[in-house]
Amino acid sequence: MPELDRPHSHQIIAPLKIGNHKACVNDNNIPFK
């Protein structure tokens, strides 16, 4: 999975803190609940 190899973790975590993208995943590609 090239997605995990790219330095964009902050782009995955940030939306969750804002309240958007409920289906976003963390660095381990595990869907947040």
PDB file of N, CA and C in Angstrom:
ATOM      1  N   MET A   1       0.829  -1.207   0.000  1.00  0.00           N
ATOM      2  CA  MET A   1       0.000   0.000   0.000  1.00  0.00           C
ATOM      3  C   MET A   1       0.864   1.259   0.000  1.00  0.00           C
ATOM      4  N   PRO A   2       1.015   1.898  -1.161  1.00  0.00           N
ATOM      5  CA  PRO A   2       1.862   3.097  -1.285  1.00  0.00           C
ATOM      6  C   PRO A   2       1.354   4.236  -0.418  1.00  0.00           C
ATOM      7  N   GLU A   3       0.071   4.211  -0.091  1.00  0.00           N
ATOM      8  CA  GLU A   3      -0.515   5.283   0.729  1.00  0.00           C
ATOM      9  C   GLU A   3       0.176   5.359   2.084  1.00  0.00           C
ATOM     10  N   LEU A   4       0.507   4.188   2.657  1.00  0.00           N
ATOM     11  CA  LEU A   4       1.126   4.155   3.973  1.00  0.00           C
ATOM     12  C   LEU A   4       2.592   4.571   3.891  1.00  0.00           C
ATOM     13  N   ASP A   5       3.136   4.558   2.684  1.00  0.00           N
ATOM     14  CA  ASP A   5       4.543   4.874   2.496  1.00  0.00           C
ATOM     15  C   ASP A   5       4.760   6.363   2.255  1.00  0.00           C
ATOM     16  N   ARG A   6       3.651   7.110   2.234  1.00  0.00           N
ATOM     17  CA  ARG A   6       3.759   8.546   1.963  1.00  0.00           C
ATOM     18  C   ARG A   6       3.577   9.341   3.255  1.00  0.00           C
ATOM     19  N   PRO A   7       4.351  10.408   3.444  1.00  0.00           N
ATOM     20  CA  PRO A   7       4.287  11.234   4.663  1.00  0.00           C
ATOM     21  C   PRO A   7       3.066  12.130   4.691  1.00  0.00           C
ATOM     22  N   HIS A   8       1.901  11.516   4.816  1.00  0.00           N
ATOM     23  CA  HIS A   8       0.679  12.324   4.820  1.00  0.00           C
ATOM     24  C   HIS A   8      -0.223  11.911   5.985  1.00  0.00           C
ATOM     25  N   SER A   9       0.399  11.371   7.039  1.00  0.00           N
ATOM     26  CA  SER A   9      -0.396  10.937   8.193  1.00  0.00           C
ATOM     27  C   SER A   9      -1.175  12.100   8.781  1.00  0.00           C
ATOM     28  N   HIS A  10      -0.544  13.286   8.792  1.00  0.00           N
ATOM     29  CA  HIS A  10      -1.207  14.454   9.382  1.00  0.00           C
ATOM     30  C   HIS A  10      -2.480  14.796   8.616  1.00  0.00           C
ATOM     31  N   GLN A  11      -2.479  14.485   7.315  1.00  0.00           N
ATOM     32  CA  GLN A  11      -3.661  14.769   6.493  1.00  0.00           C
ATOM     33  C   GLN A  11      -4.789  13.789   6.811  1.00  0.00           C
ATOM     34  N   ILE A  12      -4.429  12.646   7.420  1.00  0.00           N
ATOM     35  CA  ILE A  12      -5.446  11.646   7.784  1.00  0.00           C
ATOM     36  C   ILE A  12      -5.993  11.947   9.180  1.00  0.00           C
ATOM     37  N   ILE A  13      -5.100  12.324  10.090  1.00  0.00           N
ATOM     38  CA  ILE A  13      -5.494  12.582  11.478  1.00  0.00           C
ATOM     39  C   ILE A  13      -6.227  13.916  11.613  1.00  0.00           C
ATOM     40  N   ALA A  14      -5.739  14.945  10.934  1.00  0.00           N
ATOM     41  CA  ALA A  14      -6.306  16.286  11.041  1.00  0.00           C
ATOM     42  C   ALA A  14      -7.818  16.349  10.805  1.00  0.00           C
ATOM     43  N   PRO A  15      -8.329  15.772   9.712  1.00  0.00           N
ATOM     44  CA  PRO A  15      -9.777  15.838   9.442  1.00  0.00           C
ATOM     45  C   PRO A  15     -10.605  15.259  10.580  1.00  0.00           C
ATOM     46  N   LEU A  16     -10.073  14.248  11.264  1.00  0.00           N
ATOM     47  CA  LEU A  16     -10.809  13.620  12.359  1.00  0.00           C
ATOM     48  C   LEU A  16     -10.956  14.587  13.519  1.00  0.00           C
ATOM     49  N   LYS A  17      -9.904  15.368  13.773  1.00  0.00           N
ATOM     50  CA  LYS A  17      -9.935  16.338  14.874  1.00  0.00           C
ATOM     51  C   LYS A  17     -10.929  17.450  14.570  1.00  0.00           C
ATOM     52  N   ILE A  18     -11.092  17.754  13.301  1.00  0.00           N
ATOM     53  CA  ILE A  18     -12.012  18.815  12.894  1.00  0.00           C
ATOM     54  C   ILE A  18     -13.450  18.317  12.952  1.00  0.00           C
ATOM     55  N   GLY A  19     -13.639  17.015  12.729  1.00  0.00           N
ATOM     56  CA  GLY A  19     -14.979  16.451  12.787  1.00  0.00           C
ATOM     57  C   GLY A  19     -15.457  16.001  11.420  1.00  0.00           C
ATOM     58  N   ASN A  20     -14.603  16.138  10.397  1.00  0.00           N
ATOM     59  CA  ASN A  20     -14.964  15.699   9.047  1.00  0.00           C
ATOM     60  C   ASN A  20     -14.462  14.276   8.807  1.00  0.00           C
ATOM     61  N   HIS A  21     -14.905  13.667   7.724  1.00  0.00           N
ATOM     62  CA  HIS A  21     -14.403  12.349   7.337  1.00  0.00           C
ATOM     63  C   HIS A  21     -14.457  11.358   8.499  1.00  0.00           C
ATOM     64  N   LYS A  22     -15.639  10.935   8.857  1.00  0.00           N
ATOM     65  CA  LYS A  22     -15.794   9.958   9.938  1.00  0.00           C
ATOM     66  C   LYS A  22     -15.175   8.623   9.536  1.00  0.00           C
ATOM     67  N   ALA A  23     -15.045   8.407   8.227  1.00  0.00           N
ATOM     68  CA  ALA A  23     -14.527   7.124   7.746  1.00  0.00           C
ATOM     69  C   ALA A  23     -13.018   7.175   7.473  1.00  0.00           C
ATOM     70  N   CYS A  24     -12.354   8.200   7.971  1.00  0.00           N
ATOM     71  CA  CYS A  24     -10.906   8.298   7.768  1.00  0.00           C
ATOM     72  C   CYS A  24     -10.191   7.160   8.501  1.00  0.00           C
ATOM     73  N   VAL A  25      -8.965   6.890   8.086  1.00  0.00           N
ATOM     74  CA  VAL A  25      -8.205   5.825   8.725  1.00  0.00           C
ATOM     75  C   VAL A  25      -6.927   6.386   9.330  1.00  0.00           C
ATOM     76  N   ASN A  26      -6.380   5.674  10.317  1.00  0.00           N
ATOM     77  CA  ASN A  26      -5.145   6.141  10.950  1.00  0.00           C
ATOM     78  C   ASN A  26      -3.932   5.603  10.201  1.00  0.00           C
ATOM     79  N   ASP A  27      -2.725   5.760  10.763  1.00  0.00           N
ATOM     80  CA  ASP A  27      -1.503   5.330  10.085  1.00  0.00           C
ATOM     81  C   ASP A  27      -1.504   3.829   9.812  1.00  0.00           C
ATOM     82  N   ASN A  28      -2.227   3.072  10.634  1.00  0.00           N
ATOM     83  CA  ASN A  28      -2.258   1.613  10.473  1.00  0.00           C
ATOM     84  C   ASN A  28      -3.358   1.175   9.520  1.00  0.00           C
ATOM     85  N   ASN A  29      -4.004   2.162   8.877  1.00  0.00           N
ATOM     86  CA  ASN A  29      -5.070   1.865   7.923  1.00  0.00           C
ATOM     87  C   ASN A  29      -6.280   1.235   8.610  1.00  0.00           C
ATOM     88  N   ILE A  30      -6.450   1.536   9.905  1.00  0.00           N
ATOM     89  CA  ILE A  30      -7.589   1.006  10.653  1.00  0.00           C
ATOM     90  C   ILE A  30      -8.659   2.088  10.758  1.00  0.00           C
ATOM     91  N   PRO A  31      -9.865   1.826  10.270  1.00  0.00           N
ATOM     92  CA  PRO A  31     -10.962   2.807  10.335  1.00  0.00           C
ATOM     93  C   PRO A  31     -11.277   3.236  11.759  1.00  0.00           C
ATOM     94  N   PHE A  32     -11.358   4.541  11.985  1.00  0.00           N
ATOM     95  CA  PHE A  32     -11.698   5.049  13.306  1.00  0.00           C
ATOM     96  C   PHE A  32     -13.175   4.862  13.584  1.00  0.00           C
ATOM     97  N   LYS A  33     -13.520   4.681  14.867  1.00  0.00           N
ATOM     98  CA  LYS A  33     -14.938   4.485  15.203  1.00  0.00           C
ATOM     99  C   LYS A  33     -15.413   5.603  16.115  1.00  0.00           C
TER     100      LYS A  33
END
